[in-house]
Amino acid sequence: RDLPAEIKNKVYDVVFMNPPFYDGTKGSVTDASVKSEHEKSARFAD
């Protein structure tokens, strides 16, 4: 949401992503398989 000028000044042929699967209302943020804050941020949209 706050990209640097090097990216803001460009347009791309392909923009790809694997956004967080869960919006915070689905999926358990206390799931034991989520072992770290780093992994949590990848799976949940906080």
All heavy atoms as atom14 arrays in JSON, in Angstrom:
{
  "sequence": "RDLPAEIKNKVYDVVFMNPPFYDGTKGSVTDASVKSEHEKSARFAD",
  "atom14_mask": [
    [1, 1, 1, 1, 1, 1, 1, 1, 1, 1, 1, 0, 0, 0],
    [1, 1, 1, 1, 1, 1, 1, 1, 0, 0, 0, 0, 0, 0],
    [1, 1, 1, 1, 1, 1, 1, 1, 0, 0, 0, 0, 0, 0],
    [1, 1, 1, 1, 1, 1, 1, 0, 0, 0, 0, 0, 0, 0],
    [1, 1, 1, 1, 1, 0, 0, 0, 0, 0, 0, 0, 0, 0],
    [1, 1, 1, 1, 1, 1, 1, 1, 1, 0, 0, 0, 0, 0],
    [1, 1, 1, 1, 1, 1, 1, 1, 0, 0, 0, 0, 0, 0],
    [1, 1, 1, 1, 1, 1, 1, 1, 1, 0, 0, 0, 0, 0],
    [1, 1, 1, 1, 1, 1, 1, 1, 0, 0, 0, 0, 0, 0],
    [1, 1, 1, 1, 1, 1, 1, 1, 1, 0, 0, 0, 0, 0],
    [1, 1, 1, 1, 1, 1, 1, 0, 0, 0, 0, 0, 0, 0],
    [1, 1, 1, 1, 1, 1, 1, 1, 1, 1, 1, 1, 0, 0],
    [1, 1, 1, 1, 1, 1, 1, 1, 0, 0, 0, 0, 0, 0],
    [1, 1, 1, 1, 1, 1, 1, 0, 0, 0, 0, 0, 0, 0],
    [1, 1, 1, 1, 1, 1, 1, 0, 0, 0, 0, 0, 0, 0],
    [1, 1, 1, 1, 1, 1, 1, 1, 1, 1, 1, 0, 0, 0],
    [1, 1, 1, 1, 1, 1, 1, 1, 0, 0, 0, 0, 0, 0],
    [1, 1, 1, 1, 1, 1, 1, 1, 0, 0, 0, 0, 0, 0],
    [1, 1, 1, 1, 1, 1, 1, 0, 0, 0, 0, 0, 0, 0],
    [1, 1, 1, 1, 1, 1, 1, 0, 0, 0, 0, 0, 0, 0],
    [1, 1, 1, 1, 1, 1, 1, 1, 1, 1, 1, 0, 0, 0],
    [1, 1, 1, 1, 1, 1, 1, 1, 1, 1, 1, 1, 0, 0],
    [1, 1, 1, 1, 1, 1, 1, 1, 0, 0, 0, 0, 0, 0],
    [1, 1, 1, 1, 0, 0, 0, 0, 0, 0, 0, 0, 0, 0],
    [1, 1, 1, 1, 1, 1, 1, 0, 0, 0, 0, 0, 0, 0],
    [1, 1, 1, 1, 1, 1, 1, 1, 1, 0, 0, 0, 0, 0],
    [1, 1, 1, 1, 0, 0, 0, 0, 0, 0, 0, 0, 0, 0],
    [1, 1, 1, 1, 1, 1, 0, 0, 0, 0, 0, 0, 0, 0],
    [1, 1, 1, 1, 1, 1, 1, 0, 0, 0, 0, 0, 0, 0],
    [1, 1, 1, 1, 1, 1, 1, 0, 0, 0, 0, 0, 0, 0],
    [1, 1, 1, 1, 1, 1, 1, 1, 0, 0, 0, 0, 0, 0],
    [1, 1, 1, 1, 1, 0, 0, 0, 0, 0, 0, 0, 0, 0],
    [1, 1, 1, 1, 1, 1, 0, 0, 0, 0, 0, 0, 0, 0],
    [1, 1, 1, 1, 1, 1, 1, 0, 0, 0, 0, 0, 0, 0],
    [1, 1, 1, 1, 1, 1, 1, 1, 1, 0, 0, 0, 0, 0],
    [1, 1, 1, 1, 1, 1, 0, 0, 0, 0, 0, 0, 0, 0],
    [1, 1, 1, 1, 1, 1, 1, 1, 1, 0, 0, 0, 0, 0],
    [1, 1, 1, 1, 1, 1, 1, 1, 1, 1, 0, 0, 0, 0],
    [1, 1, 1, 1, 1, 1, 1, 1, 1, 0, 0, 0, 0, 0],
    [1, 1, 1, 1, 1, 1, 1, 1, 1, 0, 0, 0, 0, 0],
    [1, 1, 1, 1, 1, 1, 0, 0, 0, 0, 0, 0, 0, 0],
    [1, 1, 1, 1, 1, 0, 0, 0, 0, 0, 0, 0, 0, 0],
    [1, 1, 1, 1, 1, 1, 1, 1, 1, 1, 1, 0, 0, 0],
    [1, 1, 1, 1, 1, 1, 1, 1, 1, 1, 1, 0, 0, 0],
    [1, 1, 1, 1, 1, 0, 0, 0, 0, 0, 0, 0, 0, 0],
    [1, 1, 1, 1, 1, 1, 1, 1, 0, 0, 0, 0, 0, 0]
  ],
  "atom14_positions": [
    [[0.82, -1.22, 0.0], [0.0, 0.0, 0.0], [0.85, 1.26, 0.0], [0.32, 2.37, -0.06], [-0.93, -0.02, 1.23], [-1.92, -1.18, 1.22], [-2.58, -1.4, 2.56], [-1.6, -1.85, 3.56], [-1.93, -2.24, 4.79], [-3.21, -2.25, 5.15], [-1.0, -2.64, 5.64], [0.0, 0.0, 0.0], [0.0, 0.0, 0.0], [0.0, 0.0, 0.0]],
    [[2.16, 1.09, 0.08], [3.07, 2.24, 0.1], [4.33, 1.88, -0.68], [5.41, 1.74, -0.11], [3.4, 2.61, 1.56], [4.21, 3.9, 1.66], [4.16, 4.7, 0.71], [4.89, 4.08, 2.69], [0.0, 0.0, 0.0], [0.0, 0.0, 0.0], [0.0, 0.0, 0.0], [0.0, 0.0, 0.0], [0.0, 0.0, 0.0], [0.0, 0.0, 0.0]],
    [[4.18, 1.74, -1.96], [5.27, 1.29, -2.82], [6.28, 2.41, -3.06], [5.93, 3.59, -3.1], [4.72, 0.81, -4.16], [3.81, -0.43, -4.11], [3.19, -0.68, -5.47], [4.58, -1.66, -3.64], [0.0, 0.0, 0.0], [0.0, 0.0, 0.0], [0.0, 0.0, 0.0], [0.0, 0.0, 0.0], [0.0, 0.0, 0.0], [0.0, 0.0, 0.0]],
    [[7.54, 2.05, -3.26], [8.57, 3.06, -3.55], [8.41, 3.62, -4.96], [7.75, 3.03, -5.82], [9.88, 2.27, -3.42], [9.5, 0.86, -3.76], [8.11, 0.69, -3.21], [0.0, 0.0, 0.0], [0.0, 0.0, 0.0], [0.0, 0.0, 0.0], [0.0, 0.0, 0.0], [0.0, 0.0, 0.0], [0.0, 0.0, 0.0], [0.0, 0.0, 0.0]],
    [[9.05, 4.76, -5.2], [8.94, 5.43, -6.5], [9.41, 4.54, -7.64], [8.87, 4.6, -8.76], [9.73, 6.73, -6.47], [0.0, 0.0, 0.0], [0.0, 0.0, 0.0], [0.0, 0.0, 0.0], [0.0, 0.0, 0.0], [0.0, 0.0, 0.0], [0.0, 0.0, 0.0], [0.0, 0.0, 0.0], [0.0, 0.0, 0.0], [0.0, 0.0, 0.0]],
    [[10.42, 3.68, -7.37], [10.95, 2.81, -8.43], [9.86, 1.92, -9.01], [9.9, 1.56, -10.2], [12.08, 1.94, -7.89], [13.3, 2.71, -7.45], [13.3, 3.0, -5.97], [12.21, 3.28, -5.41], [14.37, 2.97, -5.36], [0.0, 0.0, 0.0], [0.0, 0.0, 0.0], [0.0, 0.0, 0.0], [0.0, 0.0, 0.0], [0.0, 0.0, 0.0]],
    [[8.88, 1.55, -8.19], [7.78, 0.71, -8.67], [6.61, 1.56, -9.14], [5.97, 1.27, -10.16], [7.35, -0.29, -7.57], [8.48, -1.29, -7.31], [6.07, -1.02, -7.97], [8.19, -2.29, -6.22], [0.0, 0.0, 0.0], [0.0, 0.0, 0.0], [0.0, 0.0, 0.0], [0.0, 0.0, 0.0], [0.0, 0.0, 0.0], [0.0, 0.0, 0.0]],
    [[6.31, 2.63, -8.4], [5.2, 3.5, -8.77], [5.39, 4.12, -10.15], [4.41, 4.45, -10.84], [5.02, 4.61, -7.74], [4.34, 4.18, -6.45], [4.11, 5.38, -5.56], [3.33, 5.01, -4.31], [3.1, 6.19, -3.43], [0.0, 0.0, 0.0], [0.0, 0.0, 0.0], [0.0, 0.0, 0.0], [0.0, 0.0, 0.0], [0.0, 0.0, 0.0]],
    [[6.64, 4.29, -10.55], [6.92, 4.93, -11.84], [6.95, 3.93, -13.0], [7.27, 4.3, -14.12], [8.25, 5.67, -11.78], [8.19, 6.89, -10.87], [7.12, 7.45, -10.64], [9.34, 7.3, -10.34], [0.0, 0.0, 0.0], [0.0, 0.0, 0.0], [0.0, 0.0, 0.0], [0.0, 0.0, 0.0], [0.0, 0.0, 0.0], [0.0, 0.0, 0.0]],
    [[6.61, 2.68, -12.72], [6.62, 1.65, -13.75], [5.23, 1.04, -13.94], [4.4, 1.09, -13.03], [7.6, 0.52, -13.39], [9.05, 0.93, -13.38], [9.94, -0.18, -12.82], [10.0, -1.4, -13.67], [10.99, -2.4, -13.15], [0.0, 0.0, 0.0], [0.0, 0.0, 0.0], [0.0, 0.0, 0.0], [0.0, 0.0, 0.0], [0.0, 0.0, 0.0]],
    [[5.0, 0.47, -15.1], [3.86, -0.41, -15.32], [4.42, -1.75, -15.79], [5.52, -1.81, -16.34], [2.86, 0.15, -16.35], [2.11, 1.33, -15.78], [3.54, 0.51, -17.65], [0.0, 0.0, 0.0], [0.0, 0.0, 0.0], [0.0, 0.0, 0.0], [0.0, 0.0, 0.0], [0.0, 0.0, 0.0], [0.0, 0.0, 0.0], [0.0, 0.0, 0.0]],
    [[3.66, -2.8, -15.55], [4.2, -4.15, -15.74], [3.33, -4.95, -16.71], [2.12, -4.78, -16.77], [4.28, -4.87, -14.39], [5.25, -4.24, -13.43], [4.88, -3.16, -12.64], [6.56, -4.71, -13.32], [5.78, -2.57, -11.76], [7.46, -4.14, -12.46], [7.07, -3.06, -11.67], [7.97, -2.48, -10.81], [0.0, 0.0, 0.0], [0.0, 0.0, 0.0]],
    [[3.99, -5.85, -17.42], [3.29, -6.74, -18.34], [2.48, -7.79, -17.59], [1.39, -8.19, -18.05], [4.3, -7.43, -19.27], [5.09, -6.42, -20.08], [4.49, -5.74, -20.92], [6.31, -6.29, -19.84], [0.0, 0.0, 0.0], [0.0, 0.0, 0.0], [0.0, 0.0, 0.0], [0.0, 0.0, 0.0], [0.0, 0.0, 0.0], [0.0, 0.0, 0.0]],
    [[3.01, -8.26, -16.47], [2.3, -9.24, -15.62], [2.52, -8.86, -14.16], [3.66, -8.69, -13.72], [2.82, -10.68, -15.86], [2.09, -11.66, -14.93], [2.63, -11.1, -17.31], [0.0, 0.0, 0.0], [0.0, 0.0, 0.0], [0.0, 0.0, 0.0], [0.0, 0.0, 0.0], [0.0, 0.0, 0.0], [0.0, 0.0, 0.0], [0.0, 0.0, 0.0]],
    [[1.43, -8.71, -13.42], [1.49, -8.5, -11.97], [0.83, -9.72, -11.33], [-0.35, -9.99, -11.57], [0.77, -7.21, -11.54], [0.88, -7.04, -10.02], [1.36, -5.99, -12.25], [0.0, 0.0, 0.0], [0.0, 0.0, 0.0], [0.0, 0.0, 0.0], [0.0, 0.0, 0.0], [0.0, 0.0, 0.0], [0.0, 0.0, 0.0], [0.0, 0.0, 0.0]],
    [[1.6, -10.47, -10.56], [1.09, -11.72, -10.01], [1.19, -11.74, -8.5], [2.02, -11.05, -7.9], [1.81, -12.92, -10.63], [3.31, -12.96, -10.43], [3.88, -13.83, -9.52], [4.16, -12.14, -11.18], [5.26, -13.9, -9.35], [5.54, -12.2, -11.02], [6.09, -13.07, -10.1], [0.0, 0.0, 0.0], [0.0, 0.0, 0.0], [0.0, 0.0, 0.0]],
    [[0.33, -12.55, -7.87], [0.29, -12.53, -6.4], [-0.48, -13.73, -5.85], [-1.33, -14.32, -6.53], [-0.37, -11.24, -5.91], [-1.8, -11.05, -6.35], [-2.41, -9.4, -5.89], [-4.15, -9.55, -6.34], [0.0, 0.0, 0.0], [0.0, 0.0, 0.0], [0.0, 0.0, 0.0], [0.0, 0.0, 0.0], [0.0, 0.0, 0.0], [0.0, 0.0, 0.0]],
    [[-0.11, -14.06, -4.63], [-0.83, -15.05, -3.82], [-1.25, -14.31, -2.56], [-0.57, -14.38, -1.54], [0.09, -16.23, -3.5], [-0.59, -17.28, -2.64], [-1.75, -17.15, -2.27], [0.15, -18.32, -2.27], [0.0, 0.0, 0.0], [0.0, 0.0, 0.0], [0.0, 0.0, 0.0], [0.0, 0.0, 0.0], [0.0, 0.0, 0.0], [0.0, 0.0, 0.0]],
    [[-2.37, -13.55, -2.62], [-2.77, -12.75, -1.47], [-3.21, -13.64, -0.31], [-3.49, -14.83, -0.52], [-3.93, -11.91, -2.01], [-4.5, -12.74, -3.11], [-3.33, -13.46, -3.73], [0.0, 0.0, 0.0], [0.0, 0.0, 0.0], [0.0, 0.0, 0.0], [0.0, 0.0, 0.0], [0.0, 0.0, 0.0], [0.0, 0.0, 0.0], [0.0, 0.0, 0.0]],
    [[-3.27, -13.1, 0.9], [-3.73, -13.91, 2.04], [-5.06, -14.59, 1.74], [-6.0, -13.95, 1.25], [-3.86, -12.88, 3.16], [-2.87, -11.81, 2.81], [-2.91, -11.73, 1.31], [0.0, 0.0, 0.0], [0.0, 0.0, 0.0], [0.0, 0.0, 0.0], [0.0, 0.0, 0.0], [0.0, 0.0, 0.0], [0.0, 0.0, 0.0], [0.0, 0.0, 0.0]],
    [[-5.12, -15.9, 2.0], [-6.33, -16.66, 1.69], [-7.5, -16.26, 2.58], [-8.64, -16.37, 2.18], [-6.05, -18.16, 1.87], [-5.6, -18.85, 0.61], [-4.83, -18.19, -0.32], [-5.96, -20.17, 0.37], [-4.41, -18.82, -1.49], [-5.54, -20.82, -0.79], [-4.78, -20.15, -1.73], [0.0, 0.0, 0.0], [0.0, 0.0, 0.0], [0.0, 0.0, 0.0]],
    [[-7.22, -15.82, 3.81], [-8.27, -15.58, 4.79], [-8.37, -14.1, 5.11], [-7.37, -13.4, 5.22], [-8.0, -16.38, 6.06], [-7.8, -17.85, 5.79], [-6.55, -18.44, 5.98], [-8.83, -18.65, 5.32], [-6.35, -19.79, 5.71], [-8.64, -20.0, 5.06], [-7.39, -20.56, 5.27], [-7.19, -21.89, 5.0], [0.0, 0.0, 0.0], [0.0, 0.0, 0.0]],
    [[-9.61, -13.62, 5.28], [-9.83, -12.2, 5.52], [-9.92, -11.84, 7.0], [-10.2, -10.7, 7.35], [-11.09, -11.73, 4.79], [-12.35, -12.44, 5.28], [-12.26, -13.22, 6.26], [-13.42, -12.22, 4.69], [0.0, 0.0, 0.0], [0.0, 0.0, 0.0], [0.0, 0.0, 0.0], [0.0, 0.0, 0.0], [0.0, 0.0, 0.0], [0.0, 0.0, 0.0]],
    [[-9.67, -12.82, 7.87], [-9.75, -12.56, 9.3], [-11.05, -13.05, 9.91], [-11.16, -13.25, 11.11], [0.0, 0.0, 0.0], [0.0, 0.0, 0.0], [0.0, 0.0, 0.0], [0.0, 0.0, 0.0], [0.0, 0.0, 0.0], [0.0, 0.0, 0.0], [0.0, 0.0, 0.0], [0.0, 0.0, 0.0], [0.0, 0.0, 0.0], [0.0, 0.0, 0.0]],
    [[-12.08, -13.27, 9.06], [-13.35, -13.81, 9.53], [-13.44, -15.31, 9.29], [-14.31, -15.97, 9.81], [-14.54, -13.13, 8.83], [-14.49, -13.43, 7.43], [-14.49, -11.61, 9.02], [0.0, 0.0, 0.0], [0.0, 0.0, 0.0], [0.0, 0.0, 0.0], [0.0, 0.0, 0.0], [0.0, 0.0, 0.0], [0.0, 0.0, 0.0], [0.0, 0.0, 0.0]],
    [[-12.5, -15.84, 8.47], [-12.45, -17.26, 8.19], [-11.05, -17.76, 8.45], [-10.08, -17.02, 8.3], [-12.84, -17.56, 6.73], [-14.27, -17.19, 6.39], [-14.56, -17.5, 4.94], [-15.98, -17.11, 4.56], [-16.27, -17.38, 3.14], [0.0, 0.0, 0.0], [0.0, 0.0, 0.0], [0.0, 0.0, 0.0], [0.0, 0.0, 0.0], [0.0, 0.0, 0.0]],
    [[-10.94, -19.04, 8.81], [-9.62, -19.59, 9.12], [-9.22, -19.19, 10.52], [-9.45, -18.06, 10.97], [0.0, 0.0, 0.0], [0.0, 0.0, 0.0], [0.0, 0.0, 0.0], [0.0, 0.0, 0.0], [0.0, 0.0, 0.0], [0.0, 0.0, 0.0], [0.0, 0.0, 0.0], [0.0, 0.0, 0.0], [0.0, 0.0, 0.0], [0.0, 0.0, 0.0]],
    [[-8.61, -20.08, 11.25], [-8.25, -19.81, 12.64], [-6.86, -19.2, 12.74], [-5.87, -19.81, 12.36], [-8.29, -21.1, 13.47], [-7.81, -20.85, 14.77], [0.0, 0.0, 0.0], [0.0, 0.0, 0.0], [0.0, 0.0, 0.0], [0.0, 0.0, 0.0], [0.0, 0.0, 0.0], [0.0, 0.0, 0.0], [0.0, 0.0, 0.0], [0.0, 0.0, 0.0]],
    [[-6.8, -17.97, 13.25], [-5.5, -17.33, 13.42], [-4.72, -17.96, 14.56], [-3.55, -17.66, 14.77], [-5.65, -15.81, 13.68], [-6.22, -15.13, 12.46], [-6.5, -15.53, 14.91], [0.0, 0.0, 0.0], [0.0, 0.0, 0.0], [0.0, 0.0, 0.0], [0.0, 0.0, 0.0], [0.0, 0.0, 0.0], [0.0, 0.0, 0.0], [0.0, 0.0, 0.0]],
    [[-5.36, -18.86, 15.31], [-4.67, -19.59, 16.37], [-4.32, -21.0, 15.94], [-3.91, -21.82, 16.75], [-5.53, -19.65, 17.65], [-6.78, -20.3, 17.34], [-5.82, -18.25, 18.18], [0.0, 0.0, 0.0], [0.0, 0.0, 0.0], [0.0, 0.0, 0.0], [0.0, 0.0, 0.0], [0.0, 0.0, 0.0], [0.0, 0.0, 0.0], [0.0, 0.0, 0.0]],
    [[-4.48, -21.29, 14.67], [-4.15, -22.61, 14.12], [-2.72, -22.98, 14.5], [-1.77, -22.23, 14.26], [-4.29, -22.55, 12.6], [-4.16, -23.92, 11.93], [-3.53, -24.8, 12.52], [-4.67, -24.07, 10.81], [0.0, 0.0, 0.0], [0.0, 0.0, 0.0], [0.0, 0.0, 0.0], [0.0, 0.0, 0.0], [0.0, 0.0, 0.0], [0.0, 0.0, 0.0]],
    [[-2.55, -24.17, 15.06], [-1.22, -24.6, 15.53], [-0.22, -24.73, 14.4], [0.99, -24.68, 14.62], [-1.34, -25.93, 16.28], [0.0, 0.0, 0.0], [0.0, 0.0, 0.0], [0.0, 0.0, 0.0], [0.0, 0.0, 0.0], [0.0, 0.0, 0.0], [0.0, 0.0, 0.0], [0.0, 0.0, 0.0], [0.0, 0.0, 0.0], [0.0, 0.0, 0.0]],
    [[-0.73, -24.9, 13.17], [0.19, -25.03, 12.03], [0.82, -23.7, 11.65], [1.81, -23.67, 10.92], [-0.54, -25.63, 10.82], [-1.49, -24.72, 10.31], [0.0, 0.0, 0.0], [0.0, 0.0, 0.0], [0.0, 0.0, 0.0], [0.0, 0.0, 0.0], [0.0, 0.0, 0.0], [0.0, 0.0, 0.0], [0.0, 0.0, 0.0], [0.0, 0.0, 0.0]],
    [[0.26, -22.59, 12.12], [0.83, -21.27, 11.84], [1.83, -20.97, 12.95], [1.48, -20.59, 14.05], [-0.26, -20.19, 11.78], [0.35, -18.83, 11.47], [-1.31, -20.55, 10.75], [0.0, 0.0, 0.0], [0.0, 0.0, 0.0], [0.0, 0.0, 0.0], [0.0, 0.0, 0.0], [0.0, 0.0, 0.0], [0.0, 0.0, 0.0], [0.0, 0.0, 0.0]],
    [[3.11, -21.18, 12.65], [4.13, -21.22, 13.7], [4.77, -19.87, 14.0], [5.55, -19.76, 14.94], [5.22, -22.23, 13.31], [4.7, -23.66, 13.17], [5.82, -24.6, 12.8], [5.34, -26.06, 12.77], [4.34, -26.3, 11.75], [0.0, 0.0, 0.0], [0.0, 0.0, 0.0], [0.0, 0.0, 0.0], [0.0, 0.0, 0.0], [0.0, 0.0, 0.0]],
    [[4.49, -18.83, 13.22], [5.16, -17.56, 13.46], [4.32, -16.41, 12.98], [3.38, -16.57, 12.19], [6.51, -17.53, 12.74], [6.3, -17.46, 11.34], [0.0, 0.0, 0.0], [0.0, 0.0, 0.0], [0.0, 0.0, 0.0], [0.0, 0.0, 0.0], [0.0, 0.0, 0.0], [0.0, 0.0, 0.0], [0.0, 0.0, 0.0], [0.0, 0.0, 0.0]],
    [[4.65, -15.21, 13.44], [3.98, -14.0, 12.97], [4.22, -13.8, 11.48], [3.37, -13.29, 10.76], [4.49, -12.79, 13.76], [3.96, -12.72, 15.18], [2.44, -12.61, 15.23], [1.87, -11.78, 14.49], [1.81, -13.37, 15.99], [0.0, 0.0, 0.0], [0.0, 0.0, 0.0], [0.0, 0.0, 0.0], [0.0, 0.0, 0.0], [0.0, 0.0, 0.0]],
    [[5.39, -14.21, 10.99], [5.71, -14.06, 9.57], [4.76, -14.9, 8.73], [4.23, -14.45, 7.72], [7.15, -14.48, 9.31], [8.15, -13.8, 10.19], [8.6, -14.35, 11.37], [8.77, -12.59, 10.08], [9.46, -13.52, 11.94], [9.58, -12.45, 11.18], [0.0, 0.0, 0.0], [0.0, 0.0, 0.0], [0.0, 0.0, 0.0], [0.0, 0.0, 0.0]],
    [[4.53, -16.14, 9.16], [3.63, -17.01, 8.42], [2.19, -16.54, 8.55], [1.4, -16.59, 7.6], [3.76, -18.46, 8.91], [3.02, -19.45, 8.03], [3.3, -20.89, 8.42], [4.15, -21.13, 9.28], [2.63, -21.77, 7.84], [0.0, 0.0, 0.0], [0.0, 0.0, 0.0], [0.0, 0.0, 0.0], [0.0, 0.0, 0.0], [0.0, 0.0, 0.0]],
    [[1.82, -16.03, 9.72], [0.47, -15.52, 9.94], [0.16, -14.39, 8.98], [-0.92, -14.32, 8.39], [0.32, -15.04, 11.39], [-1.04, -14.41, 11.7], [-1.08, -13.91, 13.13], [-2.35, -13.12, 13.4], [-2.38, -12.56, 14.77], [0.0, 0.0, 0.0], [0.0, 0.0, 0.0], [0.0, 0.0, 0.0], [0.0, 0.0, 0.0], [0.0, 0.0, 0.0]],
    [[1.11, -13.47, 8.78], [0.88, -12.33, 7.9], [0.73, -12.76, 6.45], [0.1, -12.07, 5.66], [2.02, -11.31, 8.02], [3.21, -11.8, 7.46], [0.0, 0.0, 0.0], [0.0, 0.0, 0.0], [0.0, 0.0, 0.0], [0.0, 0.0, 0.0], [0.0, 0.0, 0.0], [0.0, 0.0, 0.0], [0.0, 0.0, 0.0], [0.0, 0.0, 0.0]],
    [[1.31, -13.92, 6.1], [1.18, -14.42, 4.73], [-0.18, -15.07, 4.49], [-0.67, -15.1, 3.37], [2.29, -15.44, 4.44], [0.0, 0.0, 0.0], [0.0, 0.0, 0.0], [0.0, 0.0, 0.0], [0.0, 0.0, 0.0], [0.0, 0.0, 0.0], [0.0, 0.0, 0.0], [0.0, 0.0, 0.0], [0.0, 0.0, 0.0], [0.0, 0.0, 0.0]],
    [[-0.81, -15.58, 5.56], [-2.06, -16.32, 5.4], [-3.3, -15.51, 5.74], [-4.39, -15.8, 5.24], [-2.02, -17.59, 6.27], [-1.05, -18.63, 5.77], [-1.03, -19.86, 6.63], [-2.35, -20.48, 6.75], [-2.58, -21.59, 7.44], [-1.59, -22.19, 8.06], [-3.78, -22.09, 7.52], [0.0, 0.0, 0.0], [0.0, 0.0, 0.0], [0.0, 0.0, 0.0]],
    [[-3.15, -14.5, 6.61], [-4.29, -13.73, 7.06], [-4.12, -12.26, 6.72], [-3.02, -11.7, 6.79], [-4.48, -13.89, 8.57], [-4.78, -15.31, 8.98], [-3.75, -16.16, 9.38], [-6.06, -15.81, 8.94], [-4.0, -17.47, 9.75], [-6.33, -17.13, 9.31], [-5.3, -17.96, 9.71], [0.0, 0.0, 0.0], [0.0, 0.0, 0.0], [0.0, 0.0, 0.0]],
    [[-5.23, -11.6, 6.37], [-5.19, -10.23, 5.84], [-5.16, -9.18, 6.95], [-6.03, -8.32, 7.02], [-6.38, -10.0, 4.93], [0.0, 0.0, 0.0], [0.0, 0.0, 0.0], [0.0, 0.0, 0.0], [0.0, 0.0, 0.0], [0.0, 0.0, 0.0], [0.0, 0.0, 0.0], [0.0, 0.0, 0.0], [0.0, 0.0, 0.0], [0.0, 0.0, 0.0]],
    [[-4.15, -9.24, 7.81], [-4.04, -8.22, 8.84], [-3.12, -7.08, 8.4], [-2.98, -6.09, 9.08], [-3.57, -8.81, 10.17], [-2.21, -9.49, 10.08], [-1.77, -9.77, 8.95], [-1.61, -9.74, 11.14], [0.0, 0.0, 0.0], [0.0, 0.0, 0.0], [0.0, 0.0, 0.0], [0.0, 0.0, 0.0], [0.0, 0.0, 0.0], [0.0, 0.0, 0.0]]
  ]
}
